[in-house]
Amino acid sequence: MKFFFILFILLILSLPVKAYELLMFSVSGCRFCTTFHREITPTYNDSEYAEYLPLIIINADEYPKNIPKWFVAAYKKGDIKPIRKVPTFILWDEKRKVELDRLVGYFGKTWFYGRIEYKTYDLMNTDLHK
């Protein structure tokens, strides 16, 4: 029985940890956010980037009710820089709980995926990922 328990623990520890997330700060009245939700949101989870950079949408409508407490805490602590425009996409390091980079605005599907490809390449090829 002890053998199976140890085997189970080793299996759990070998599973990949989601180290990074793509946080989208959005509001319903934003036309760029609406366009993003129409063009990207329905298929993002099927994209090649979703495995390494899952999309977490944070809707600022009815602030502070819809803002996760961990986001508010990170914002107050300074681990997330001020958000001045929407949409804002934050590359978040889930392990270290800090903002690594961000994209501000949305200028179409090609623009978005081009930037995400570049940012993902940077993340996977730097010391941050190791």
N, C-alpha and C. Protein backbone atom coordinates (compact mmCIF):
# COMPACT_ATOMS: atom_id res chain seq x y z
N MET A 1 0.82 -1.20 0.00
CA MET A 1 0.00 0.00 0.00
C MET A 1 0.87 1.26 0.00
N LYS A 2 1.95 1.22 0.78
CA LYS A 2 2.85 2.37 0.85
C LYS A 2 3.47 2.66 -0.51
N PHE A 3 3.78 1.59 -1.25
CA PHE A 3 4.35 1.73 -2.59
C PHE A 3 3.40 2.51 -3.50
N PHE A 4 2.11 2.19 -3.48
CA PHE A 4 1.14 2.88 -4.33
C PHE A 4 0.96 4.34 -3.94
N PHE A 5 1.05 4.61 -2.65
CA PHE A 5 0.96 5.98 -2.17
C PHE A 5 2.15 6.79 -2.69
N ILE A 6 3.34 6.24 -2.58
CA ILE A 6 4.54 6.93 -3.08
C ILE A 6 4.46 7.11 -4.59
N LEU A 7 4.01 6.09 -5.29
CA LEU A 7 3.85 6.18 -6.74
C LEU A 7 2.85 7.27 -7.11
N PHE A 8 1.75 7.37 -6.37
CA PHE A 8 0.74 8.39 -6.60
C PHE A 8 1.33 9.79 -6.38
N ILE A 9 2.09 9.97 -5.31
CA ILE A 9 2.71 11.26 -5.02
C ILE A 9 3.69 11.65 -6.13
N LEU A 10 4.50 10.71 -6.58
CA LEU A 10 5.44 10.98 -7.67
C LEU A 10 4.71 11.36 -8.95
N LEU A 11 3.60 10.70 -9.21
CA LEU A 11 2.80 11.02 -10.40
C LEU A 11 2.25 12.44 -10.31
N ILE A 12 1.73 12.80 -9.18
CA ILE A 12 1.19 14.15 -8.97
C ILE A 12 2.29 15.20 -9.13
N LEU A 13 3.45 14.93 -8.56
CA LEU A 13 4.56 15.89 -8.64
C LEU A 13 5.11 16.02 -10.05
N SER A 14 4.89 15.02 -10.89
CA SER A 14 5.41 15.08 -12.26
C SER A 14 4.47 15.83 -13.21
N LEU A 15 3.27 16.13 -12.77
CA LEU A 15 2.33 16.86 -13.62
C LEU A 15 2.83 18.28 -13.83
N PRO A 16 2.62 18.84 -15.04
CA PRO A 16 3.08 20.20 -15.29
C PRO A 16 2.31 21.22 -14.44
N VAL A 17 3.04 22.20 -13.95
CA VAL A 17 2.44 23.27 -13.16
C VAL A 17 2.21 24.46 -14.08
N LYS A 18 1.03 25.03 -14.01
CA LYS A 18 0.74 26.23 -14.80
C LYS A 18 1.47 27.40 -14.16
N ALA A 19 2.57 27.77 -14.76
CA ALA A 19 3.42 28.80 -14.18
C ALA A 19 2.97 30.20 -14.57
N TYR A 20 2.37 30.34 -15.74
CA TYR A 20 1.99 31.65 -16.25
C TYR A 20 0.52 31.69 -16.61
N GLU A 21 -0.03 32.89 -16.52
CA GLU A 21 -1.42 33.12 -16.92
C GLU A 21 -1.48 34.42 -17.69
N LEU A 22 -2.47 34.52 -18.56
CA LEU A 22 -2.74 35.76 -19.27
C LEU A 22 -4.01 36.34 -18.66
N LEU A 23 -3.85 37.41 -17.88
CA LEU A 23 -4.98 38.06 -17.24
C LEU A 23 -5.50 39.15 -18.16
N MET A 24 -6.78 39.13 -18.44
CA MET A 24 -7.38 40.19 -19.25
C MET A 24 -8.26 41.03 -18.35
N PHE A 25 -7.96 42.31 -18.25
CA PHE A 25 -8.76 43.25 -17.48
C PHE A 25 -9.70 43.91 -18.46
N SER A 26 -11.00 43.73 -18.26
CA SER A 26 -12.00 44.11 -19.25
C SER A 26 -13.20 44.79 -18.59
N VAL A 27 -13.93 45.59 -19.37
CA VAL A 27 -15.23 46.14 -18.95
C VAL A 27 -16.21 45.96 -20.10
N SER A 28 -17.49 45.85 -19.77
CA SER A 28 -18.48 45.55 -20.80
C SER A 28 -18.70 46.70 -21.78
N GLY A 29 -18.48 47.95 -21.39
CA GLY A 29 -18.70 49.07 -22.28
C GLY A 29 -17.56 49.36 -23.24
N CYS A 30 -16.53 48.56 -23.21
CA CYS A 30 -15.34 48.77 -24.04
C CYS A 30 -15.51 48.06 -25.38
N ARG A 31 -15.47 48.81 -26.47
CA ARG A 31 -15.68 48.20 -27.79
C ARG A 31 -14.53 47.28 -28.18
N PHE A 32 -13.31 47.59 -27.73
CA PHE A 32 -12.17 46.72 -28.03
C PHE A 32 -12.28 45.40 -27.25
N CYS A 33 -12.78 45.49 -26.02
CA CYS A 33 -13.00 44.29 -25.21
C CYS A 33 -14.07 43.41 -25.86
N THR A 34 -15.14 44.05 -26.30
CA THR A 34 -16.23 43.33 -26.96
C THR A 34 -15.75 42.63 -28.22
N THR A 35 -14.93 43.32 -29.01
CA THR A 35 -14.37 42.72 -30.22
C THR A 35 -13.48 41.54 -29.86
N PHE A 36 -12.65 41.70 -28.84
CA PHE A 36 -11.80 40.60 -28.38
C PHE A 36 -12.65 39.39 -28.00
N HIS A 37 -13.70 39.64 -27.22
CA HIS A 37 -14.56 38.54 -26.76
C HIS A 37 -15.24 37.84 -27.95
N ARG A 38 -15.54 38.57 -28.97
CA ARG A 38 -16.17 37.99 -30.16
C ARG A 38 -15.15 37.20 -31.00
N GLU A 39 -13.93 37.74 -31.14
CA GLU A 39 -12.95 37.15 -32.05
C GLU A 39 -12.04 36.11 -31.39
N ILE A 40 -11.74 36.26 -30.12
CA ILE A 40 -10.71 35.42 -29.49
C ILE A 40 -11.27 34.49 -28.40
N THR A 41 -12.07 35.02 -27.52
CA THR A 41 -12.51 34.25 -26.35
C THR A 41 -13.09 32.87 -26.70
N PRO A 42 -13.95 32.75 -27.72
CA PRO A 42 -14.55 31.44 -27.98
C PRO A 42 -13.55 30.34 -28.37
N THR A 43 -12.41 30.71 -28.94
CA THR A 43 -11.47 29.70 -29.44
C THR A 43 -10.11 29.72 -28.75
N TYR A 44 -9.88 30.65 -27.83
CA TYR A 44 -8.55 30.75 -27.21
C TYR A 44 -8.13 29.44 -26.54
N ASN A 45 -9.04 28.79 -25.83
CA ASN A 45 -8.68 27.57 -25.12
C ASN A 45 -8.26 26.44 -26.06
N ASP A 46 -8.59 26.55 -27.34
CA ASP A 46 -8.16 25.56 -28.33
C ASP A 46 -6.85 25.97 -29.01
N SER A 47 -6.34 27.14 -28.68
CA SER A 47 -5.12 27.63 -29.33
C SER A 47 -3.88 26.97 -28.73
N GLU A 48 -2.79 27.07 -29.45
CA GLU A 48 -1.53 26.49 -28.98
C GLU A 48 -0.99 27.19 -27.73
N TYR A 49 -1.48 28.38 -27.44
CA TYR A 49 -0.98 29.16 -26.31
C TYR A 49 -1.70 28.87 -25.00
N ALA A 50 -2.90 28.35 -25.08
CA ALA A 50 -3.72 28.17 -23.89
C ALA A 50 -3.11 27.22 -22.87
N GLU A 51 -2.35 26.25 -23.32
CA GLU A 51 -1.74 25.29 -22.40
C GLU A 51 -0.70 25.96 -21.50
N TYR A 52 0.07 26.88 -22.06
CA TYR A 52 1.15 27.53 -21.30
C TYR A 52 0.74 28.88 -20.74
N LEU A 53 -0.30 29.46 -21.32
CA LEU A 53 -0.72 30.80 -20.94
C LEU A 53 -2.25 30.86 -20.90
N PRO A 54 -2.87 30.20 -19.91
CA PRO A 54 -4.33 30.19 -19.85
C PRO A 54 -4.88 31.61 -19.67
N LEU A 55 -6.00 31.88 -20.33
CA LEU A 55 -6.64 33.19 -20.28
C LEU A 55 -7.58 33.28 -19.10
N ILE A 56 -7.36 34.27 -18.25
CA ILE A 56 -8.22 34.55 -17.10
C ILE A 56 -8.82 35.93 -17.34
N ILE A 57 -10.13 36.01 -17.50
CA ILE A 57 -10.79 37.30 -17.77
C ILE A 57 -11.28 37.88 -16.45
N ILE A 58 -10.85 39.10 -16.18
CA ILE A 58 -11.26 39.82 -14.98
C ILE A 58 -12.13 40.98 -15.42
N ASN A 59 -13.41 40.88 -15.13
CA ASN A 59 -14.37 41.90 -15.54
C ASN A 59 -14.50 42.94 -14.43
N ALA A 60 -14.22 44.18 -14.76
CA ALA A 60 -14.22 45.25 -13.77
C ALA A 60 -15.59 45.88 -13.55
N ASP A 61 -16.60 45.40 -14.26
CA ASP A 61 -17.95 45.92 -14.03
C ASP A 61 -18.34 45.64 -12.57
N GLU A 62 -19.04 46.58 -11.99
CA GLU A 62 -19.49 46.49 -10.60
C GLU A 62 -18.31 46.34 -9.62
N TYR A 63 -17.23 47.06 -9.89
CA TYR A 63 -16.08 47.04 -8.98
C TYR A 63 -16.54 47.38 -7.57
N PRO A 64 -16.05 46.79 -6.54
CA PRO A 64 -15.03 45.74 -6.46
C PRO A 64 -15.59 44.33 -6.43
N LYS A 65 -16.90 44.18 -6.57
CA LYS A 65 -17.56 42.88 -6.44
C LYS A 65 -16.98 41.80 -7.38
N ASN A 66 -16.70 42.14 -8.61
CA ASN A 66 -16.27 41.14 -9.59
C ASN A 66 -14.75 40.99 -9.70
N ILE A 67 -14.01 41.66 -8.86
CA ILE A 67 -12.55 41.57 -8.92
C ILE A 67 -12.09 40.53 -7.88
N PRO A 68 -11.34 39.51 -8.31
CA PRO A 68 -10.87 38.51 -7.34
C PRO A 68 -10.00 39.15 -6.26
N LYS A 69 -10.12 38.64 -5.04
CA LYS A 69 -9.37 39.20 -3.91
C LYS A 69 -7.86 39.11 -4.12
N TRP A 70 -7.39 38.03 -4.74
CA TRP A 70 -5.94 37.88 -4.97
C TRP A 70 -5.45 38.96 -5.92
N PHE A 71 -6.30 39.37 -6.90
CA PHE A 71 -5.92 40.42 -7.85
C PHE A 71 -5.81 41.76 -7.13
N VAL A 72 -6.81 42.06 -6.29
CA VAL A 72 -6.80 43.32 -5.53
C VAL A 72 -5.57 43.37 -4.62
N ALA A 73 -5.25 42.27 -3.95
CA ALA A 73 -4.09 42.22 -3.06
C ALA A 73 -2.79 42.45 -3.84
N ALA A 74 -2.66 41.80 -4.99
CA ALA A 74 -1.45 41.97 -5.82
C ALA A 74 -1.34 43.39 -6.34
N TYR A 75 -2.48 43.99 -6.69
CA TYR A 75 -2.52 45.37 -7.19
C TYR A 75 -2.07 46.34 -6.10
N LYS A 76 -2.62 46.17 -4.90
CA LYS A 76 -2.27 47.05 -3.78
C LYS A 76 -0.81 46.89 -3.38
N LYS A 77 -0.30 45.68 -3.47
CA LYS A 77 1.09 45.40 -3.12
C LYS A 77 2.06 45.93 -4.17
N GLY A 78 1.56 46.21 -5.37
CA GLY A 78 2.43 46.70 -6.44
C GLY A 78 2.94 45.62 -7.37
N ASP A 79 2.46 44.38 -7.18
CA ASP A 79 2.87 43.29 -8.06
C ASP A 79 2.16 43.36 -9.41
N ILE A 80 1.10 44.14 -9.48
CA ILE A 80 0.42 44.45 -10.73
C ILE A 80 0.44 45.97 -10.85
N LYS A 81 0.95 46.46 -11.97
CA LYS A 81 1.04 47.91 -12.18
C LYS A 81 -0.36 48.49 -12.42
N PRO A 82 -0.52 49.81 -12.26
CA PRO A 82 -1.82 50.44 -12.50
C PRO A 82 -2.36 50.15 -13.90
N ILE A 83 -3.66 49.96 -13.96
CA ILE A 83 -4.35 49.72 -15.23
C ILE A 83 -5.04 51.01 -15.62
N ARG A 84 -4.62 51.57 -16.74
CA ARG A 84 -5.14 52.86 -17.16
C ARG A 84 -6.08 52.76 -18.36
N LYS A 85 -5.97 51.69 -19.13
CA LYS A 85 -6.80 51.50 -20.32
C LYS A 85 -7.26 50.06 -20.39
N VAL A 86 -8.36 49.85 -21.07
CA VAL A 86 -8.85 48.48 -21.29
C VAL A 86 -9.03 48.24 -22.78
N PRO A 87 -8.83 47.04 -23.22
CA PRO A 87 -8.39 45.91 -22.41
C PRO A 87 -6.90 45.98 -22.11
N THR A 88 -6.54 45.45 -20.96
CA THR A 88 -5.14 45.28 -20.59
C THR A 88 -4.92 43.80 -20.36
N PHE A 89 -3.89 43.26 -21.00
CA PHE A 89 -3.54 41.85 -20.87
C PHE A 89 -2.23 41.78 -20.08
N ILE A 90 -2.28 41.11 -18.95
CA ILE A 90 -1.12 41.02 -18.07
C ILE A 90 -0.57 39.60 -18.11
N LEU A 91 0.72 39.48 -18.39
CA LEU A 91 1.38 38.19 -18.30
C LEU A 91 1.79 38.01 -16.85
N TRP A 92 1.14 37.08 -16.20
CA TRP A 92 1.25 36.90 -14.76
C TRP A 92 2.05 35.64 -14.45
N ASP A 93 3.03 35.77 -13.57
CA ASP A 93 3.81 34.62 -13.10
C ASP A 93 3.10 34.09 -11.86
N GLU A 94 2.45 32.97 -12.01
CA GLU A 94 1.66 32.40 -10.93
C GLU A 94 2.53 31.88 -9.79
N LYS A 95 3.73 31.43 -10.09
CA LYS A 95 4.61 30.93 -9.04
C LYS A 95 5.13 32.06 -8.16
N ARG A 96 5.58 33.13 -8.78
CA ARG A 96 6.16 34.25 -8.02
C ARG A 96 5.14 35.32 -7.67
N LYS A 97 3.94 35.23 -8.26
CA LYS A 97 2.85 36.18 -8.01
C LYS A 97 3.24 37.61 -8.39
N VAL A 98 3.77 37.77 -9.62
CA VAL A 98 4.15 39.09 -10.11
C VAL A 98 3.79 39.24 -11.59
N GLU A 99 3.61 40.48 -11.99
CA GLU A 99 3.40 40.83 -13.40
C GLU A 99 4.75 40.79 -14.10
N LEU A 100 4.80 40.10 -15.24
CA LEU A 100 6.02 40.03 -16.03
C LEU A 100 6.02 41.03 -17.17
N ASP A 101 4.86 41.20 -17.79
CA ASP A 101 4.75 42.07 -18.96
C ASP A 101 3.27 42.31 -19.20
N ARG A 102 2.96 43.16 -20.17
CA ARG A 102 1.56 43.42 -20.49
C ARG A 102 1.40 43.90 -21.91
N LEU A 103 0.18 43.74 -22.39
CA LEU A 103 -0.25 44.29 -23.68
C LEU A 103 -1.42 45.21 -23.35
N VAL A 104 -1.45 46.38 -23.96
CA VAL A 104 -2.56 47.31 -23.75
C VAL A 104 -3.26 47.52 -25.07
N GLY A 105 -4.57 47.32 -25.06
CA GLY A 105 -5.37 47.49 -26.27
C GLY A 105 -5.58 46.17 -26.99
N TYR A 106 -6.40 46.24 -28.02
CA TYR A 106 -6.66 45.09 -28.88
C TYR A 106 -6.84 45.62 -30.29
N PHE A 107 -6.00 45.12 -31.19
CA PHE A 107 -5.99 45.62 -32.57
C PHE A 107 -6.20 44.51 -33.58
N GLY A 108 -6.97 43.52 -33.19
CA GLY A 108 -7.32 42.44 -34.10
C GLY A 108 -6.64 41.12 -33.75
N LYS A 109 -7.20 40.07 -34.32
CA LYS A 109 -6.77 38.71 -34.05
C LYS A 109 -5.30 38.48 -34.42
N THR A 110 -4.90 38.94 -35.60
CA THR A 110 -3.53 38.76 -36.05
C THR A 110 -2.55 39.47 -35.13
N TRP A 111 -2.87 40.70 -34.78
CA TRP A 111 -2.03 41.48 -33.86
C TRP A 111 -1.91 40.75 -32.53
N PHE A 112 -3.03 40.32 -31.96
CA PHE A 112 -3.05 39.67 -30.65
C PHE A 112 -2.19 38.41 -30.65
N TYR A 113 -2.45 37.51 -31.58
CA TYR A 113 -1.71 36.25 -31.58
C TYR A 113 -0.23 36.45 -31.92
N GLY A 114 0.09 37.45 -32.71
CA GLY A 114 1.50 37.78 -32.98
C GLY A 114 2.21 38.20 -31.71
N ARG A 115 1.56 39.04 -30.91
CA ARG A 115 2.15 39.49 -29.65
C ARG A 115 2.26 38.35 -28.64
N ILE A 116 1.22 37.53 -28.58
CA ILE A 116 1.23 36.40 -27.65
C ILE A 116 2.32 35.40 -28.04
N GLU A 117 2.50 35.17 -29.33
CA GLU A 117 3.56 34.27 -29.79
C GLU A 117 4.93 34.80 -29.35
N TYR A 118 5.13 36.08 -29.55
CA TYR A 118 6.40 36.72 -29.16
C TYR A 118 6.62 36.63 -27.65
N LYS A 119 5.58 36.97 -26.88
CA LYS A 119 5.70 36.95 -25.41
C LYS A 119 5.91 35.53 -24.90
N THR A 120 5.22 34.56 -25.48
CA THR A 120 5.36 33.16 -25.07
C THR A 120 6.76 32.66 -25.37
N TYR A 121 7.29 33.02 -26.53
CA TYR A 121 8.65 32.65 -26.88
C TYR A 121 9.64 33.21 -25.87
N ASP A 122 9.44 34.48 -25.50
CA ASP A 122 10.30 35.11 -24.49
C ASP A 122 10.24 34.37 -23.16
N LEU A 123 9.02 34.03 -22.73
CA LEU A 123 8.85 33.35 -21.45
C LEU A 123 9.53 31.99 -21.44
N MET A 124 9.38 31.25 -22.51
CA MET A 124 9.91 29.89 -22.56
C MET A 124 11.42 29.84 -22.79
N ASN A 125 12.00 30.97 -23.19
CA ASN A 125 13.43 30.99 -23.50
C ASN A 125 14.23 31.93 -22.60
N THR A 126 13.73 32.16 -21.41
CA THR A 126 14.46 32.99 -20.45
C THR A 126 14.66 32.23 -19.15
N ASP A 127 15.45 32.77 -18.27
CA ASP A 127 15.68 32.15 -16.97
C ASP A 127 14.43 32.14 -16.10
N LEU A 128 13.45 32.98 -16.43
CA LEU A 128 12.21 33.00 -15.65
C LEU A 128 11.51 31.66 -15.69
N HIS A 129 11.60 30.99 -16.83
CA HIS A 129 10.87 29.73 -17.01
C HIS A 129 11.55 28.56 -16.30
N LYS A 130 12.79 28.68 -16.01
CA LYS A 130 13.55 27.55 -15.44
C LYS A 130 13.41 27.47 -13.94
